[in-house]
Amino acid sequence: MRLLTEEKYALIGREIKTLLGNRRLILASDSPRRRQILSEIGLTFQVISPNIEEHLNSTPPAQHVVRYSLEKVKAASQKVSRGMILGADTIVVLESEILGKPKSQKEAFQMLSKLSGQTHTVYSGVAILEVEKNISLTGYQTTEVVFNRLDNAEIERYLSTGEYVDKAGAYGIQGMGSLLVKEIKGDLDNVIGLPLATVRKLLAEVV
């Protein structure tokens, strides 16, 4: 299943490809959704696992996602001598509480119960590092997501799909998780985990 279908994403893909020129693109992420997004817009890239530990704390959400995006590209840069490294980090924020990836089904249930009937904000940070020049830039994007009111049975049915695993906020907007959502105010790709408009903007500034 395609994650992105709008024509604007094809256009952004062409613009990113032009900005990259003959530079090798390296994705510093283990996320299959980010890999799929880049593939869908026609980019060729290498994947390097950043192998960093992420800890949720009292850091402001925007600062949190920018920090970990930058840590990912810096970690990946130790393994290559050239290229353009792209890193991203995504969290869900509900009334100032950061909801990361659930560690268990019980925690996922608690997260979805909190999100039920509420509006939350998805923060995705992006970092770009041009390895040879050692130039890096960061940015972030936000999207508001309104959840339907969910009863316990609906939450349990969703959790039984296993889709919540490794997802910030315990849901995947690109799959069955879309049924939990009433409205999205902003860009879908940001909720999935890779805000392409921000990627394009940072690339234009780096090159």
N, C-alpha and C. Protein backbone atom coordinates (compact mmCIF):
# COMPACT_ATOMS: atom_id res chain seq x y z
N MET A 1 0.83 -1.19 0.00
CA MET A 1 0.00 0.00 0.00
C MET A 1 0.87 1.25 0.00
N ARG A 2 0.53 2.20 -0.88
CA ARG A 2 1.27 3.46 -0.92
C ARG A 2 0.91 4.31 0.30
N LEU A 3 1.91 5.01 0.84
CA LEU A 3 1.67 5.90 1.96
C LEU A 3 1.23 7.28 1.48
N LEU A 4 1.78 7.72 0.36
CA LEU A 4 1.53 9.07 -0.14
C LEU A 4 0.98 9.00 -1.56
N THR A 5 -0.13 9.66 -1.81
CA THR A 5 -0.74 9.59 -3.14
C THR A 5 -0.91 10.96 -3.79
N GLU A 6 -0.75 12.02 -3.03
CA GLU A 6 -0.98 13.35 -3.59
C GLU A 6 0.13 13.74 -4.57
N GLU A 7 -0.25 14.48 -5.60
CA GLU A 7 0.70 14.91 -6.63
C GLU A 7 1.81 15.78 -6.04
N LYS A 8 1.49 16.51 -4.96
CA LYS A 8 2.50 17.40 -4.39
C LYS A 8 3.72 16.62 -3.91
N TYR A 9 3.52 15.37 -3.50
CA TYR A 9 4.65 14.58 -3.01
C TYR A 9 5.57 14.18 -4.16
N ALA A 10 4.99 13.91 -5.32
CA ALA A 10 5.81 13.61 -6.50
C ALA A 10 6.65 14.82 -6.87
N LEU A 11 6.05 16.00 -6.77
CA LEU A 11 6.77 17.25 -7.08
C LEU A 11 7.90 17.47 -6.08
N ILE A 12 7.62 17.29 -4.79
CA ILE A 12 8.66 17.45 -3.78
C ILE A 12 9.79 16.46 -4.02
N GLY A 13 9.43 15.24 -4.42
CA GLY A 13 10.44 14.23 -4.70
C GLY A 13 11.38 14.66 -5.81
N ARG A 14 10.83 15.24 -6.87
CA ARG A 14 11.66 15.71 -7.98
C ARG A 14 12.56 16.85 -7.54
N GLU A 15 12.03 17.73 -6.70
CA GLU A 15 12.82 18.86 -6.22
C GLU A 15 13.96 18.39 -5.32
N ILE A 16 13.68 17.41 -4.46
CA ILE A 16 14.73 16.88 -3.58
C ILE A 16 15.82 16.20 -4.41
N LYS A 17 15.40 15.46 -5.43
CA LYS A 17 16.37 14.78 -6.29
C LYS A 17 17.27 15.80 -7.00
N THR A 18 16.70 16.91 -7.43
CA THR A 18 17.48 17.96 -8.08
C THR A 18 18.47 18.58 -7.10
N LEU A 19 18.02 18.84 -5.88
CA LEU A 19 18.89 19.43 -4.87
C LEU A 19 20.05 18.51 -4.51
N LEU A 20 19.79 17.21 -4.47
CA LEU A 20 20.84 16.26 -4.12
C LEU A 20 21.91 16.17 -5.21
N GLY A 21 21.50 16.36 -6.46
CA GLY A 21 22.45 16.23 -7.56
C GLY A 21 23.04 14.84 -7.58
N ASN A 22 24.37 14.75 -7.60
CA ASN A 22 25.02 13.43 -7.61
C ASN A 22 25.45 12.98 -6.21
N ARG A 23 24.99 13.69 -5.19
CA ARG A 23 25.33 13.29 -3.82
C ARG A 23 24.57 12.03 -3.43
N ARG A 24 25.22 11.18 -2.68
CA ARG A 24 24.56 9.98 -2.17
C ARG A 24 23.70 10.35 -0.97
N LEU A 25 22.44 9.90 -0.97
CA LEU A 25 21.55 10.14 0.16
C LEU A 25 21.63 8.97 1.13
N ILE A 26 21.81 9.28 2.40
CA ILE A 26 21.91 8.25 3.44
C ILE A 26 20.82 8.52 4.47
N LEU A 27 19.99 7.54 4.72
CA LEU A 27 18.93 7.66 5.72
C LEU A 27 19.39 7.05 7.03
N ALA A 28 19.49 7.89 8.06
CA ALA A 28 19.91 7.42 9.38
C ALA A 28 18.67 7.08 10.20
N SER A 29 18.07 5.95 9.87
CA SER A 29 16.82 5.57 10.53
C SER A 29 16.54 4.09 10.32
N ASP A 30 15.93 3.48 11.34
CA ASP A 30 15.49 2.09 11.22
C ASP A 30 14.03 2.00 10.78
N SER A 31 13.39 3.14 10.61
CA SER A 31 11.95 3.17 10.34
C SER A 31 11.60 2.70 8.93
N PRO A 32 10.79 1.64 8.81
CA PRO A 32 10.35 1.20 7.49
C PRO A 32 9.43 2.22 6.82
N ARG A 33 8.71 3.03 7.62
CA ARG A 33 7.84 4.05 7.03
C ARG A 33 8.66 5.14 6.35
N ARG A 34 9.75 5.54 6.97
CA ARG A 34 10.59 6.57 6.34
C ARG A 34 11.24 6.03 5.07
N ARG A 35 11.65 4.79 5.11
CA ARG A 35 12.22 4.18 3.89
C ARG A 35 11.19 4.16 2.78
N GLN A 36 9.95 3.80 3.13
CA GLN A 36 8.91 3.72 2.11
C GLN A 36 8.58 5.09 1.53
N ILE A 37 8.55 6.11 2.37
CA ILE A 37 8.27 7.46 1.88
C ILE A 37 9.31 7.88 0.85
N LEU A 38 10.59 7.68 1.17
CA LEU A 38 11.65 8.06 0.24
C LEU A 38 11.57 7.26 -1.06
N SER A 39 11.24 5.99 -0.94
CA SER A 39 11.10 5.16 -2.14
C SER A 39 9.94 5.62 -3.00
N GLU A 40 8.83 5.99 -2.36
CA GLU A 40 7.64 6.39 -3.10
C GLU A 40 7.84 7.69 -3.88
N ILE A 41 8.73 8.56 -3.40
CA ILE A 41 8.96 9.81 -4.14
C ILE A 41 10.14 9.66 -5.11
N GLY A 42 10.59 8.43 -5.29
CA GLY A 42 11.56 8.15 -6.34
C GLY A 42 13.02 8.33 -6.00
N LEU A 43 13.36 8.32 -4.71
CA LEU A 43 14.75 8.53 -4.32
C LEU A 43 15.49 7.21 -4.10
N THR A 44 16.76 7.21 -4.46
CA THR A 44 17.65 6.09 -4.17
C THR A 44 18.49 6.47 -2.96
N PHE A 45 18.62 5.57 -2.01
CA PHE A 45 19.31 5.93 -0.78
C PHE A 45 19.89 4.69 -0.10
N GLN A 46 20.83 4.96 0.79
CA GLN A 46 21.44 3.93 1.63
C GLN A 46 20.89 4.10 3.04
N VAL A 47 20.72 3.00 3.75
CA VAL A 47 20.23 3.06 5.13
C VAL A 47 21.36 2.70 6.09
N ILE A 48 21.55 3.54 7.10
CA ILE A 48 22.49 3.25 8.17
C ILE A 48 21.74 3.35 9.50
N SER A 49 21.78 2.29 10.28
CA SER A 49 21.13 2.31 11.59
C SER A 49 21.92 3.20 12.54
N PRO A 50 21.28 4.22 13.14
CA PRO A 50 22.03 5.15 13.99
C PRO A 50 22.43 4.59 15.35
N ASN A 51 21.71 3.58 15.82
CA ASN A 51 22.04 2.93 17.10
C ASN A 51 22.23 3.91 18.25
N ILE A 52 21.20 4.71 18.50
CA ILE A 52 21.24 5.61 19.65
C ILE A 52 20.06 5.29 20.56
N GLU A 53 20.23 5.54 21.85
CA GLU A 53 19.15 5.33 22.80
C GLU A 53 18.40 6.64 23.00
N GLU A 54 17.08 6.54 22.96
CA GLU A 54 16.25 7.73 23.10
C GLU A 54 15.54 7.69 24.45
N HIS A 55 15.59 8.82 25.16
CA HIS A 55 14.96 8.90 26.48
C HIS A 55 13.99 10.08 26.50
N LEU A 56 12.77 9.81 26.96
CA LEU A 56 11.80 10.88 27.10
C LEU A 56 12.04 11.61 28.41
N ASN A 57 12.05 12.93 28.35
CA ASN A 57 12.26 13.72 29.56
C ASN A 57 11.46 15.01 29.47
N SER A 58 11.83 15.99 30.25
CA SER A 58 11.06 17.24 30.30
C SER A 58 11.47 18.25 29.22
N THR A 59 12.33 17.83 28.30
CA THR A 59 12.74 18.72 27.21
C THR A 59 11.53 19.12 26.38
N PRO A 60 11.40 20.38 25.97
CA PRO A 60 10.30 20.79 25.10
C PRO A 60 10.25 19.92 23.84
N PRO A 61 9.04 19.59 23.36
CA PRO A 61 8.89 18.65 22.24
C PRO A 61 9.73 18.99 21.00
N ALA A 62 9.70 20.24 20.57
CA ALA A 62 10.45 20.62 19.37
C ALA A 62 11.94 20.40 19.58
N GLN A 63 12.42 20.78 20.75
CA GLN A 63 13.84 20.60 21.06
C GLN A 63 14.20 19.12 21.12
N HIS A 64 13.29 18.31 21.63
CA HIS A 64 13.51 16.87 21.75
C HIS A 64 13.71 16.22 20.38
N VAL A 65 12.78 16.48 19.45
CA VAL A 65 12.87 15.81 18.14
C VAL A 65 14.05 16.32 17.32
N VAL A 66 14.37 17.60 17.47
CA VAL A 66 15.53 18.15 16.76
C VAL A 66 16.82 17.53 17.30
N ARG A 67 16.90 17.42 18.61
CA ARG A 67 18.11 16.85 19.23
C ARG A 67 18.36 15.43 18.77
N TYR A 68 17.33 14.60 18.80
CA TYR A 68 17.55 13.20 18.43
C TYR A 68 17.74 13.01 16.93
N SER A 69 17.14 13.87 16.13
CA SER A 69 17.40 13.82 14.69
C SER A 69 18.87 14.11 14.41
N LEU A 70 19.40 15.11 15.11
CA LEU A 70 20.81 15.48 14.92
C LEU A 70 21.73 14.38 15.44
N GLU A 71 21.39 13.77 16.57
CA GLU A 71 22.20 12.68 17.09
C GLU A 71 22.27 11.51 16.10
N LYS A 72 21.16 11.26 15.43
CA LYS A 72 21.11 10.15 14.46
C LYS A 72 22.05 10.40 13.28
N VAL A 73 22.03 11.62 12.74
CA VAL A 73 22.90 11.88 11.58
C VAL A 73 24.36 11.90 11.98
N LYS A 74 24.64 12.40 13.18
CA LYS A 74 26.03 12.42 13.66
C LYS A 74 26.55 11.00 13.87
N ALA A 75 25.70 10.12 14.40
CA ALA A 75 26.10 8.72 14.60
C ALA A 75 26.36 8.05 13.26
N ALA A 76 25.49 8.30 12.28
CA ALA A 76 25.66 7.70 10.95
C ALA A 76 26.89 8.24 10.25
N SER A 77 27.26 9.49 10.52
CA SER A 77 28.40 10.11 9.84
C SER A 77 29.72 9.45 10.20
N GLN A 78 29.75 8.71 11.30
CA GLN A 78 30.97 8.01 11.70
C GLN A 78 31.27 6.82 10.78
N LYS A 79 30.29 6.45 9.96
CA LYS A 79 30.42 5.25 9.13
C LYS A 79 30.62 5.56 7.65
N VAL A 80 30.60 6.84 7.28
CA VAL A 80 30.76 7.22 5.87
C VAL A 80 31.70 8.41 5.76
N SER A 81 32.26 8.60 4.57
CA SER A 81 33.18 9.73 4.36
C SER A 81 32.59 10.80 3.46
N ARG A 82 31.46 10.50 2.83
CA ARG A 82 30.81 11.49 1.98
C ARG A 82 29.32 11.16 1.86
N GLY A 83 28.58 12.15 1.37
CA GLY A 83 27.15 11.95 1.18
C GLY A 83 26.32 12.93 1.99
N MET A 84 25.02 12.88 1.79
CA MET A 84 24.06 13.72 2.50
C MET A 84 23.25 12.81 3.42
N ILE A 85 23.38 13.03 4.73
CA ILE A 85 22.71 12.17 5.70
C ILE A 85 21.43 12.83 6.18
N LEU A 86 20.35 12.06 6.19
CA LEU A 86 19.04 12.52 6.63
C LEU A 86 18.61 11.74 7.86
N GLY A 87 18.25 12.45 8.91
CA GLY A 87 17.74 11.81 10.12
C GLY A 87 16.43 12.46 10.53
N ALA A 88 15.58 11.70 11.20
CA ALA A 88 14.30 12.24 11.65
C ALA A 88 13.88 11.57 12.95
N ASP A 89 13.05 12.27 13.70
CA ASP A 89 12.52 11.73 14.95
C ASP A 89 11.11 12.25 15.14
N THR A 90 10.21 11.38 15.59
CA THR A 90 8.80 11.75 15.70
C THR A 90 8.25 11.39 17.08
N ILE A 91 7.48 12.31 17.65
CA ILE A 91 6.80 12.04 18.91
C ILE A 91 5.36 12.56 18.84
N VAL A 92 4.54 12.05 19.72
CA VAL A 92 3.16 12.50 19.87
C VAL A 92 3.06 13.25 21.19
N VAL A 93 2.43 14.41 21.17
CA VAL A 93 2.31 15.22 22.39
C VAL A 93 0.84 15.51 22.68
N LEU A 94 0.41 15.15 23.87
CA LEU A 94 -0.96 15.40 24.32
C LEU A 94 -0.90 16.24 25.60
N GLU A 95 -1.35 17.48 25.49
CA GLU A 95 -1.39 18.37 26.65
C GLU A 95 -0.04 18.40 27.39
N SER A 96 1.01 18.61 26.65
CA SER A 96 2.39 18.73 27.13
C SER A 96 3.03 17.40 27.53
N GLU A 97 2.29 16.30 27.46
CA GLU A 97 2.88 14.98 27.76
C GLU A 97 3.38 14.34 26.47
N ILE A 98 4.64 13.94 26.47
CA ILE A 98 5.21 13.28 25.31
C ILE A 98 4.88 11.79 25.34
N LEU A 99 4.30 11.31 24.26
CA LEU A 99 4.00 9.89 24.12
C LEU A 99 4.94 9.31 23.08
N GLY A 100 5.87 8.51 23.51
CA GLY A 100 6.81 7.89 22.58
C GLY A 100 6.29 6.55 22.10
N LYS A 101 7.19 5.62 21.85
CA LYS A 101 6.79 4.28 21.41
C LYS A 101 6.46 3.43 22.64
N PRO A 102 5.31 2.77 22.64
CA PRO A 102 4.92 1.97 23.81
C PRO A 102 5.85 0.77 23.99
N LYS A 103 6.15 0.48 25.23
CA LYS A 103 7.03 -0.66 25.53
C LYS A 103 6.26 -1.96 25.69
N SER A 104 4.93 -1.86 25.76
CA SER A 104 4.10 -3.05 25.93
C SER A 104 2.70 -2.77 25.41
N GLN A 105 1.90 -3.82 25.27
CA GLN A 105 0.52 -3.64 24.83
C GLN A 105 -0.29 -2.88 25.89
N LYS A 106 0.03 -3.12 27.15
CA LYS A 106 -0.65 -2.41 28.23
C LYS A 106 -0.40 -0.91 28.13
N GLU A 107 0.86 -0.54 27.88
CA GLU A 107 1.18 0.88 27.75
C GLU A 107 0.52 1.47 26.51
N ALA A 108 0.45 0.69 25.43
CA ALA A 108 -0.21 1.14 24.21
C ALA A 108 -1.70 1.41 24.47
N PHE A 109 -2.33 0.54 25.25
CA PHE A 109 -3.75 0.73 25.61
C PHE A 109 -3.92 2.03 26.37
N GLN A 110 -3.02 2.29 27.30
CA GLN A 110 -3.10 3.52 28.10
C GLN A 110 -2.95 4.76 27.22
N MET A 111 -2.02 4.68 26.25
CA MET A 111 -1.81 5.82 25.35
C MET A 111 -3.05 6.10 24.51
N LEU A 112 -3.62 5.05 23.92
CA LEU A 112 -4.79 5.24 23.06
C LEU A 112 -6.00 5.70 23.86
N SER A 113 -6.10 5.27 25.11
CA SER A 113 -7.19 5.73 25.98
C SER A 113 -7.07 7.23 26.23
N LYS A 114 -5.84 7.69 26.40
CA LYS A 114 -5.61 9.13 26.60
C LYS A 114 -5.94 9.92 25.34
N LEU A 115 -5.59 9.37 24.18
CA LEU A 115 -5.78 10.07 22.91
C LEU A 115 -7.25 10.10 22.48
N SER A 116 -8.05 9.16 22.98
CA SER A 116 -9.45 9.03 22.59
C SER A 116 -10.22 10.34 22.75
N GLY A 117 -10.83 10.80 21.64
CA GLY A 117 -11.65 12.00 21.67
C GLY A 117 -10.89 13.30 21.83
N GLN A 118 -9.56 13.24 21.78
CA GLN A 118 -8.73 14.41 22.02
C GLN A 118 -7.98 14.85 20.75
N THR A 119 -7.47 16.06 20.79
CA THR A 119 -6.60 16.56 19.73
C THR A 119 -5.17 16.55 20.25
N HIS A 120 -4.28 15.88 19.52
CA HIS A 120 -2.88 15.86 19.92
C HIS A 120 -2.02 16.42 18.79
N THR A 121 -0.78 16.67 19.10
CA THR A 121 0.15 17.24 18.12
C THR A 121 1.28 16.27 17.85
N VAL A 122 1.56 16.05 16.58
CA VAL A 122 2.68 15.21 16.17
C VAL A 122 3.84 16.13 15.80
N TYR A 123 4.97 15.92 16.45
CA TYR A 123 6.20 16.66 16.15
C TYR A 123 7.17 15.74 15.42
N SER A 124 7.66 16.17 14.28
CA SER A 124 8.73 15.44 13.59
C SER A 124 9.91 16.37 13.38
N GLY A 125 11.05 15.97 13.92
CA GLY A 125 12.28 16.73 13.72
C GLY A 125 13.05 16.16 12.54
N VAL A 126 13.82 17.01 11.88
CA VAL A 126 14.63 16.60 10.73
C VAL A 126 16.03 17.19 10.88
N ALA A 127 17.03 16.39 10.56
CA ALA A 127 18.41 16.89 10.52
C ALA A 127 19.04 16.46 9.20
N ILE A 128 19.79 17.36 8.60
CA ILE A 128 20.53 17.10 7.37
C ILE A 128 22.01 17.37 7.64
N LEU A 129 22.87 16.45 7.23
CA LEU A 129 24.32 16.63 7.41
C LEU A 129 25.03 16.35 6.10
N GLU A 130 25.75 17.36 5.59
CA GLU A 130 26.59 17.18 4.41
C GLU A 130 27.96 16.76 4.94
N VAL A 131 28.31 15.50 4.72
CA VAL A 131 29.46 14.90 5.41
C VAL A 131 30.78 15.58 5.07
N GLU A 132 31.07 15.75 3.78
CA GLU A 132 32.37 16.31 3.39
C GLU A 132 32.58 17.73 3.90
N LYS A 133 31.53 18.54 3.85
CA LYS A 133 31.64 19.93 4.31
C LYS A 133 31.39 20.05 5.82
N ASN A 134 30.88 18.98 6.41
CA ASN A 134 30.53 18.98 7.84
C ASN A 134 29.57 20.12 8.18
N ILE A 135 28.56 20.27 7.32
CA ILE A 135 27.53 21.28 7.54
C ILE A 135 26.23 20.57 7.90
N SER A 136 25.61 20.99 8.99
CA SER A 136 24.35 20.38 9.39
C SER A 136 23.29 21.44 9.66
N LEU A 137 22.05 21.10 9.37
CA LEU A 137 20.92 21.97 9.65
C LEU A 137 19.79 21.13 10.24
N THR A 138 18.99 21.75 11.07
CA THR A 138 17.86 21.04 11.67
C THR A 138 16.58 21.85 11.55
N GLY A 139 15.47 21.16 11.67
CA GLY A 139 14.17 21.82 11.66
C GLY A 139 13.13 20.85 12.18
N TYR A 140 11.91 21.33 12.27
CA TYR A 140 10.83 20.43 12.71
C TYR A 140 9.51 20.91 12.14
N GLN A 141 8.52 20.03 12.20
CA GLN A 141 7.20 20.35 11.68
C GLN A 141 6.16 19.75 12.63
N THR A 142 5.00 20.40 12.72
CA THR A 142 3.94 19.88 13.58
C THR A 142 2.65 19.67 12.79
N THR A 143 1.87 18.72 13.24
CA THR A 143 0.57 18.43 12.65
C THR A 143 -0.39 18.09 13.78
N GLU A 144 -1.59 18.64 13.74
CA GLU A 144 -2.60 18.30 14.75
C GLU A 144 -3.45 17.14 14.25
N VAL A 145 -3.70 16.19 15.14
CA VAL A 145 -4.50 15.02 14.81
C VAL A 145 -5.64 14.91 15.81
N VAL A 146 -6.87 14.81 15.31
CA VAL A 146 -8.05 14.68 16.16
C VAL A 146 -8.49 13.22 16.15
N PHE A 147 -8.58 12.61 17.32
CA PHE A 147 -9.00 11.21 17.44
C PHE A 147 -10.51 11.10 17.62
N ASN A 148 -11.07 10.03 17.10
CA ASN A 148 -12.45 9.67 17.41
C ASN A 148 -12.53 9.25 18.87
N ARG A 149 -13.74 9.25 19.42
CA ARG A 149 -13.92 8.69 20.76
C ARG A 149 -13.91 7.17 20.63
N LEU A 150 -13.05 6.53 21.39
CA LEU A 150 -12.87 5.09 21.29
C LEU A 150 -13.29 4.41 22.58
N ASP A 151 -14.05 3.31 22.45
CA ASP A 151 -14.34 2.53 23.65
C ASP A 151 -13.26 1.46 23.81
N ASN A 152 -13.27 0.78 24.93
CA ASN A 152 -12.22 -0.20 25.22
C ASN A 152 -12.15 -1.30 24.17
N ALA A 153 -13.31 -1.72 23.67
CA ALA A 153 -13.35 -2.80 22.68
C ALA A 153 -12.67 -2.37 21.38
N GLU A 154 -12.90 -1.12 20.97
CA GLU A 154 -12.27 -0.61 19.75
C GLU A 154 -10.75 -0.55 19.91
N ILE A 155 -10.31 -0.12 21.07
CA ILE A 155 -8.87 -0.06 21.33
C ILE A 155 -8.27 -1.45 21.31
N GLU A 156 -8.93 -2.40 21.95
CA GLU A 156 -8.43 -3.78 21.99
C GLU A 156 -8.36 -4.38 20.59
N ARG A 157 -9.37 -4.09 19.76
CA ARG A 157 -9.37 -4.62 18.39
C ARG A 157 -8.17 -4.07 17.61
N TYR A 158 -7.91 -2.79 17.79
CA TYR A 158 -6.76 -2.22 17.09
C TYR A 158 -5.46 -2.82 17.59
N LEU A 159 -5.33 -2.95 18.89
CA LEU A 159 -4.09 -3.50 19.45
C LEU A 159 -3.86 -4.93 18.99
N SER A 160 -4.94 -5.66 18.73
CA SER A 160 -4.80 -7.06 18.29
C SER A 160 -4.14 -7.17 16.93
N THR A 161 -4.11 -6.07 16.17
CA THR A 161 -3.45 -6.10 14.85
C THR A 161 -1.93 -6.06 15.00
N GLY A 162 -1.45 -5.61 16.16
CA GLY A 162 -0.01 -5.48 16.38
C GLY A 162 0.60 -4.26 15.73
N GLU A 163 -0.22 -3.45 15.09
CA GLU A 163 0.29 -2.30 14.34
C GLU A 163 0.90 -1.23 15.24
N TYR A 164 0.52 -1.23 16.50
CA TYR A 164 0.98 -0.21 17.44
C TYR A 164 2.47 -0.30 17.76
N VAL A 165 3.06 -1.47 17.52
CA VAL A 165 4.45 -1.71 17.89
C VAL A 165 5.38 -0.75 17.14
N ASP A 166 6.30 -0.13 17.86
CA ASP A 166 7.30 0.77 17.28
C ASP A 166 6.69 2.04 16.68
N LYS A 167 5.52 2.44 17.17
CA LYS A 167 4.86 3.65 16.68
C LYS A 167 4.72 4.66 17.82
N ALA A 168 5.15 5.87 17.58
CA ALA A 168 4.95 6.94 18.56
C ALA A 168 3.45 7.15 18.77
N GLY A 169 3.02 7.17 20.02
CA GLY A 169 1.61 7.34 20.31
C GLY A 169 0.80 6.07 20.17
N ALA A 170 1.45 4.96 19.80
CA ALA A 170 0.82 3.63 19.71
C ALA A 170 -0.17 3.47 18.56
N TYR A 171 0.00 4.28 17.49
CA TYR A 171 -0.85 4.05 16.32
C TYR A 171 -0.09 4.40 15.05
N GLY A 172 -0.51 3.76 13.95
CA GLY A 172 0.08 4.03 12.65
C GLY A 172 -0.96 4.64 11.73
N ILE A 173 -0.82 5.91 11.40
CA ILE A 173 -1.80 6.61 10.59
C ILE A 173 -1.90 6.03 9.18
N GLN A 174 -0.83 5.37 8.72
CA GLN A 174 -0.80 4.86 7.35
C GLN A 174 -1.51 3.51 7.22
N GLY A 175 -1.96 2.93 8.33
CA GLY A 175 -2.61 1.62 8.29
C GLY A 175 -3.97 1.65 8.93
N MET A 176 -4.27 0.62 9.74
CA MET A 176 -5.56 0.54 10.42
C MET A 176 -5.75 1.69 11.40
N GLY A 177 -4.64 2.28 11.82
CA GLY A 177 -4.72 3.41 12.74
C GLY A 177 -5.48 4.59 12.17
N SER A 178 -5.61 4.66 10.86
CA SER A 178 -6.36 5.75 10.24
C SER A 178 -7.83 5.73 10.67
N LEU A 179 -8.32 4.55 11.04
CA LEU A 179 -9.72 4.41 11.47
C LEU A 179 -9.95 5.03 12.84
N LEU A 180 -8.88 5.27 13.58
CA LEU A 180 -9.00 5.89 14.90
C LEU A 180 -9.07 7.40 14.80
N VAL A 181 -8.74 7.92 13.62
CA VAL A 181 -8.56 9.37 13.44
C VAL A 181 -9.78 10.01 12.80
N LYS A 182 -10.20 11.12 13.38
CA LYS A 182 -11.33 11.89 12.86
C LYS A 182 -10.88 12.93 11.85
N GLU A 183 -9.74 13.58 12.14
CA GLU A 183 -9.28 14.68 11.29
C GLU A 183 -7.78 14.91 11.45
N ILE A 184 -7.14 15.30 10.35
CA ILE A 184 -5.73 15.68 10.38
C ILE A 184 -5.62 17.13 9.93
N LYS A 185 -4.97 17.96 10.73
CA LYS A 185 -4.79 19.36 10.40
C LYS A 185 -3.32 19.60 10.09
N GLY A 186 -2.95 19.35 8.85
CA GLY A 186 -1.55 19.48 8.45
C GLY A 186 -1.16 18.38 7.48
N ASP A 187 0.12 18.10 7.39
CA ASP A 187 0.64 17.15 6.40
C ASP A 187 0.68 15.72 6.93
N LEU A 188 0.16 14.80 6.11
CA LEU A 188 0.15 13.39 6.47
C LEU A 188 1.55 12.83 6.64
N ASP A 189 2.48 13.23 5.76
CA ASP A 189 3.84 12.69 5.83
C ASP A 189 4.53 13.03 7.15
N ASN A 190 4.14 14.14 7.75
CA ASN A 190 4.70 14.50 9.05
C ASN A 190 4.22 13.53 10.13
N VAL A 191 2.96 13.14 10.05
CA VAL A 191 2.41 12.19 11.03
C VAL A 191 3.05 10.82 10.84
N ILE A 192 3.31 10.43 9.61
CA ILE A 192 3.97 9.15 9.34
C ILE A 192 5.40 9.16 9.86
N GLY A 193 6.05 10.34 9.81
CA GLY A 193 7.38 10.41 10.41
C GLY A 193 8.47 11.07 9.58
N LEU A 194 8.12 11.62 8.40
CA LEU A 194 9.15 12.28 7.60
C LEU A 194 8.54 13.46 6.84
N PRO A 195 8.59 14.66 7.42
CA PRO A 195 8.00 15.84 6.78
C PRO A 195 8.82 16.30 5.58
N LEU A 196 8.34 15.98 4.40
CA LEU A 196 9.12 16.22 3.19
C LEU A 196 9.33 17.70 2.89
N ALA A 197 8.38 18.54 3.25
CA ALA A 197 8.55 19.98 3.02
C ALA A 197 9.74 20.51 3.83
N THR A 198 9.89 20.00 5.04
CA THR A 198 11.03 20.42 5.88
C THR A 198 12.33 19.86 5.33
N VAL A 199 12.30 18.61 4.85
CA VAL A 199 13.49 18.01 4.24
C VAL A 199 13.94 18.84 3.05
N ARG A 200 13.01 19.19 2.19
CA ARG A 200 13.33 20.00 1.00
C ARG A 200 13.92 21.35 1.41
N LYS A 201 13.31 22.01 2.38
CA LYS A 201 13.77 23.33 2.83
C LYS A 201 15.21 23.26 3.36
N LEU A 202 15.50 22.28 4.19
CA LEU A 202 16.84 22.16 4.76
C LEU A 202 17.87 21.82 3.70
N LEU A 203 17.51 20.93 2.77
CA LEU A 203 18.43 20.59 1.69
C LEU A 203 18.78 21.82 0.86
N ALA A 204 17.78 22.64 0.57
CA ALA A 204 18.01 23.84 -0.23
C ALA A 204 18.99 24.78 0.48
N GLU A 205 18.94 24.81 1.80
CA GLU A 205 19.84 25.68 2.56
C GLU A 205 21.25 25.10 2.66
N VAL A 206 21.35 23.78 2.72
CA VAL A 206 22.66 23.13 2.84
C VAL A 206 23.45 23.20 1.55
N VAL A 207 22.77 22.96 0.42
CA VAL A 207 23.48 22.92 -0.86
C VAL A 207 23.72 24.33 -1.41
